[in-house]
């Protein structure tokens, strides 16, 4: 089984692209910064995961998430290894997103933006 669950913050704005052809596909790419467990807040370290979403999920992310937004996602990890021009093997990975949820409640997001729920 290949399944990953991550909760973190978008480190930059999601990038939306649409492929060309008979059946265009919407793709959103973004990086998710996930804090490491057990570290103090002063010395916190994070891992950055390259993520890719397709279709309606990609459109949802681009519409509702910005840099700094907290996100909970589930997906799977895929290798994207290749050989560079010098003939060296380069190892990489990406997270293919299957589901996303907001990592913060609506009320906490509104408070952060200085809005009230009246």
C-alpha atoms as a PDB file:
ATOM      1  CA  UNK A   1       0.000   0.000   0.000  1.00  0.00           C
ATOM      2  CA  UNK A   2       1.285   3.472  -0.898  1.00  0.00           C
ATOM      3  CA  UNK A   3      -0.521   6.146   1.154  1.00  0.00           C
ATOM      4  CA  UNK A   4       0.721   9.338   2.766  1.00  0.00           C
ATOM      5  CA  UNK A   5      -1.073  11.757   5.095  1.00  0.00           C
ATOM      6  CA  UNK A   6       0.449  15.205   5.590  1.00  0.00           C
ATOM      7  CA  UNK A   7      -0.552  18.349   7.464  1.00  0.00           C
ATOM      8  CA  UNK A   8       1.425  21.477   6.783  1.00  0.00           C
ATOM      9  CA  UNK A   9       1.527  24.937   5.278  1.00  0.00           C
ATOM     10  CA  UNK A  10       1.807  25.963   1.641  1.00  0.00           C
ATOM     11  CA  UNK A  11       5.250  27.507   1.204  1.00  0.00           C
ATOM     12  CA  UNK A  12       4.213  29.441  -1.911  1.00  0.00           C
ATOM     13  CA  UNK A  13       1.155  30.066  -4.061  1.00  0.00           C
ATOM     14  CA  UNK A  14      -0.176  26.986  -5.887  1.00  0.00           C
ATOM     15  CA  UNK A  15       0.568  27.008  -9.644  1.00  0.00           C
ATOM     16  CA  UNK A  16      -2.362  26.015 -11.876  1.00  0.00           C
ATOM     17  CA  UNK A  17      -1.803  24.721 -15.427  1.00  0.00           C
ATOM     18  CA  UNK A  18      -4.080  23.139 -18.002  1.00  0.00           C
ATOM     19  CA  UNK A  19      -2.762  20.696 -20.593  1.00  0.00           C
ATOM     20  CA  UNK A  20      -3.647  21.068 -24.258  1.00  0.00           C
ATOM     21  CA  UNK A  21      -5.252  18.466 -26.480  1.00  0.00           C
ATOM     22  CA  UNK A  22      -8.564  16.693 -26.923  1.00  0.00           C
ATOM     23  CA  UNK A  23      -9.045  16.132 -23.198  1.00  0.00           C
ATOM     24  CA  UNK A  24      -7.374  18.976 -21.263  1.00  0.00           C
ATOM     25  CA  UNK A  25      -6.318  18.177 -17.690  1.00  0.00           C
ATOM     26  CA  UNK A  26      -6.023  20.732 -14.897  1.00  0.00           C
ATOM     27  CA  UNK A  27      -2.858  20.382 -12.812  1.00  0.00           C
ATOM     28  CA  UNK A  28      -1.825  22.272  -9.673  1.00  0.00           C
ATOM     29  CA  UNK A  29       1.661  22.049  -8.203  1.00  0.00           C
ATOM     30  CA  UNK A  30       2.675  23.315  -4.768  1.00  0.00           C
ATOM     31  CA  UNK A  31       5.099  22.678  -1.922  1.00  0.00           C
ATOM     32  CA  UNK A  32       3.850  21.722   1.531  1.00  0.00           C
ATOM     33  CA  UNK A  33       6.059  22.533   4.544  1.00  0.00           C
ATOM     34  CA  UNK A  34       5.513  19.958   7.300  1.00  0.00           C
ATOM     35  CA  UNK A  35       7.030  20.593  10.740  1.00  0.00           C
ATOM     36  CA  UNK A  36       8.995  17.754  12.269  1.00  0.00           C
ATOM     37  CA  UNK A  37       7.555  16.270  15.434  1.00  0.00           C
ATOM     38  CA  UNK A  38       9.419  16.722  18.703  1.00  0.00           C
ATOM     39  CA  UNK A  39      11.230  19.927  17.859  1.00  0.00           C
ATOM     40  CA  UNK A  40      10.736  23.056  19.964  1.00  0.00           C
ATOM     41  CA  UNK A  41       9.062  26.017  18.305  1.00  0.00           C
ATOM     42  CA  UNK A  42      12.263  28.078  18.512  1.00  0.00           C
ATOM     43  CA  UNK A  43      14.283  25.389  16.709  1.00  0.00           C
ATOM     44  CA  UNK A  44      11.577  23.921  14.513  1.00  0.00           C
ATOM     45  CA  UNK A  45      12.591  22.167  11.331  1.00  0.00           C
ATOM     46  CA  UNK A  46      10.360  21.380   8.386  1.00  0.00           C
ATOM     47  CA  UNK A  47      10.364  18.996   5.469  1.00  0.00           C
ATOM     48  CA  UNK A  48       9.164  20.316   2.116  1.00  0.00           C
ATOM     49  CA  UNK A  49       7.091  17.988  -0.047  1.00  0.00           C
ATOM     50  CA  UNK A  50       6.545  18.627  -3.761  1.00  0.00           C
ATOM     51  CA  UNK A  51       2.850  17.948  -4.416  1.00  0.00           C
ATOM     52  CA  UNK A  52       0.775  17.603  -7.584  1.00  0.00           C
ATOM     53  CA  UNK A  53      -3.027  17.521  -7.852  1.00  0.00           C
ATOM     54  CA  UNK A  54      -5.239  16.913 -10.883  1.00  0.00           C
ATOM     55  CA  UNK A  55      -8.770  17.791 -12.031  1.00  0.00           C
ATOM     56  CA  UNK A  56     -11.339  19.089  -9.544  1.00  0.00           C
ATOM     57  CA  UNK A  57      -8.896  18.705  -6.646  1.00  0.00           C
ATOM     58  CA  UNK A  58      -6.381  20.908  -8.486  1.00  0.00           C
ATOM     59  CA  UNK A  59      -9.026  23.562  -9.123  1.00  0.00           C
ATOM     60  CA  UNK A  60     -10.177  23.452  -5.475  1.00  0.00           C
ATOM     61  CA  UNK A  61      -6.625  23.978  -4.193  1.00  0.00           C
ATOM     62  CA  UNK A  62      -5.942  26.875  -6.550  1.00  0.00           C
ATOM     63  CA  UNK A  63      -9.230  28.549  -5.605  1.00  0.00           C
ATOM     64  CA  UNK A  64      -9.176  28.185  -1.806  1.00  0.00           C
ATOM     65  CA  UNK A  65      -5.522  27.928  -0.707  1.00  0.00           C
ATOM     66  CA  UNK A  66      -2.820  30.608  -0.632  1.00  0.00           C
ATOM     67  CA  UNK A  67       0.762  30.819   0.559  1.00  0.00           C
ATOM     68  CA  UNK A  68       0.719  30.082   4.293  1.00  0.00           C
ATOM     69  CA  UNK A  69      -2.608  28.215   4.237  1.00  0.00           C
ATOM     70  CA  UNK A  70      -2.714  25.120   6.414  1.00  0.00           C
ATOM     71  CA  UNK A  71      -3.692  21.965   4.539  1.00  0.00           C
ATOM     72  CA  UNK A  72      -4.380  18.337   5.392  1.00  0.00           C
ATOM     73  CA  UNK A  73      -3.887  16.021   2.444  1.00  0.00           C
ATOM     74  CA  UNK A  74      -3.843  12.350   1.606  1.00  0.00           C
ATOM     75  CA  UNK A  75      -2.173  10.913  -1.443  1.00  0.00           C
ATOM     76  CA  UNK A  76       0.581   8.622  -2.619  1.00  0.00           C
ATOM     77  CA  UNK A  77       4.300   9.019  -3.214  1.00  0.00           C
ATOM     78  CA  UNK A  78       5.667   8.534  -6.729  1.00  0.00           C
ATOM     79  CA  UNK A  79       9.282   8.386  -7.884  1.00  0.00           C
ATOM     80  CA  UNK A  80      10.352  10.748 -10.622  1.00  0.00           C
ATOM     81  CA  UNK A  81      13.914   9.506 -11.131  1.00  0.00           C
ATOM     82  CA  UNK A  82      15.833  10.369 -14.286  1.00  0.00           C
ATOM     83  CA  UNK A  83      19.326  10.401 -15.774  1.00  0.00           C
ATOM     84  CA  UNK A  84      20.812  13.863 -16.311  1.00  0.00           C
ATOM     85  CA  UNK A  85      22.934  15.014 -19.282  1.00  0.00           C
ATOM     86  CA  UNK A  86      26.119  13.917 -17.506  1.00  0.00           C
ATOM     87  CA  UNK A  87      24.739  10.363 -17.275  1.00  0.00           C
ATOM     88  CA  UNK A  88      24.199  10.544 -13.509  1.00  0.00           C
ATOM     89  CA  UNK A  89      21.058   9.090 -11.952  1.00  0.00           C
ATOM     90  CA  UNK A  90      18.990  11.761 -10.161  1.00  0.00           C
ATOM     91  CA  UNK A  91      16.510  10.555  -7.559  1.00  0.00           C
ATOM     92  CA  UNK A  92      13.361  12.482  -6.745  1.00  0.00           C
ATOM     93  CA  UNK A  93       9.808  12.053  -5.583  1.00  0.00           C
ATOM     94  CA  UNK A  94       6.505  13.845  -5.532  1.00  0.00           C
ATOM     95  CA  UNK A  95       3.247  13.459  -3.649  1.00  0.00           C
ATOM     96  CA  UNK A  96       0.248  12.851  -5.909  1.00  0.00           C
ATOM     97  CA  UNK A  97      -2.679  14.396  -4.053  1.00  0.00           C
ATOM     98  CA  UNK A  98      -5.907  12.431  -3.792  1.00  0.00           C
ATOM     99  CA  UNK A  99      -7.845  14.414  -1.144  1.00  0.00           C
ATOM    100  CA  UNK A 100      -7.420  17.762   0.606  1.00  0.00           C
ATOM    101  CA  UNK A 101      -9.035  19.436   3.584  1.00  0.00           C
ATOM    102  CA  UNK A 102      -8.613  22.778   5.271  1.00  0.00           C
ATOM    103  CA  UNK A 103      -6.132  22.521   8.134  1.00  0.00           C
ATOM    104  CA  UNK A 104      -7.722  25.400  10.045  1.00  0.00           C
ATOM    105  CA  UNK A 105     -11.329  26.003  10.965  1.00  0.00           C
ATOM    106  CA  UNK A 106     -13.159  28.820   9.212  1.00  0.00           C
ATOM    107  CA  UNK A 107     -13.382  30.812  12.447  1.00  0.00           C
ATOM    108  CA  UNK A 108      -9.600  30.658  13.036  1.00  0.00           C
ATOM    109  CA  UNK A 109      -8.928  31.731   9.440  1.00  0.00           C
ATOM    110  CA  UNK A 110     -11.325  34.670   9.838  1.00  0.00           C
ATOM    111  CA  UNK A 111      -9.646  35.737  13.098  1.00  0.00           C
ATOM    112  CA  UNK A 112      -6.238  35.645  11.437  1.00  0.00           C
ATOM    113  CA  UNK A 113      -7.517  37.995   8.745  1.00  0.00           C
ATOM    114  CA  UNK A 114      -9.065  40.390  11.274  1.00  0.00           C
ATOM    115  CA  UNK A 115     -12.652  39.518  10.385  1.00  0.00           C
ATOM    116  CA  UNK A 116     -15.487  38.736  12.791  1.00  0.00           C
ATOM    117  CA  UNK A 117     -18.188  36.087  12.529  1.00  0.00           C
ATOM    118  CA  UNK A 118     -21.132  38.431  13.094  1.00  0.00           C
END
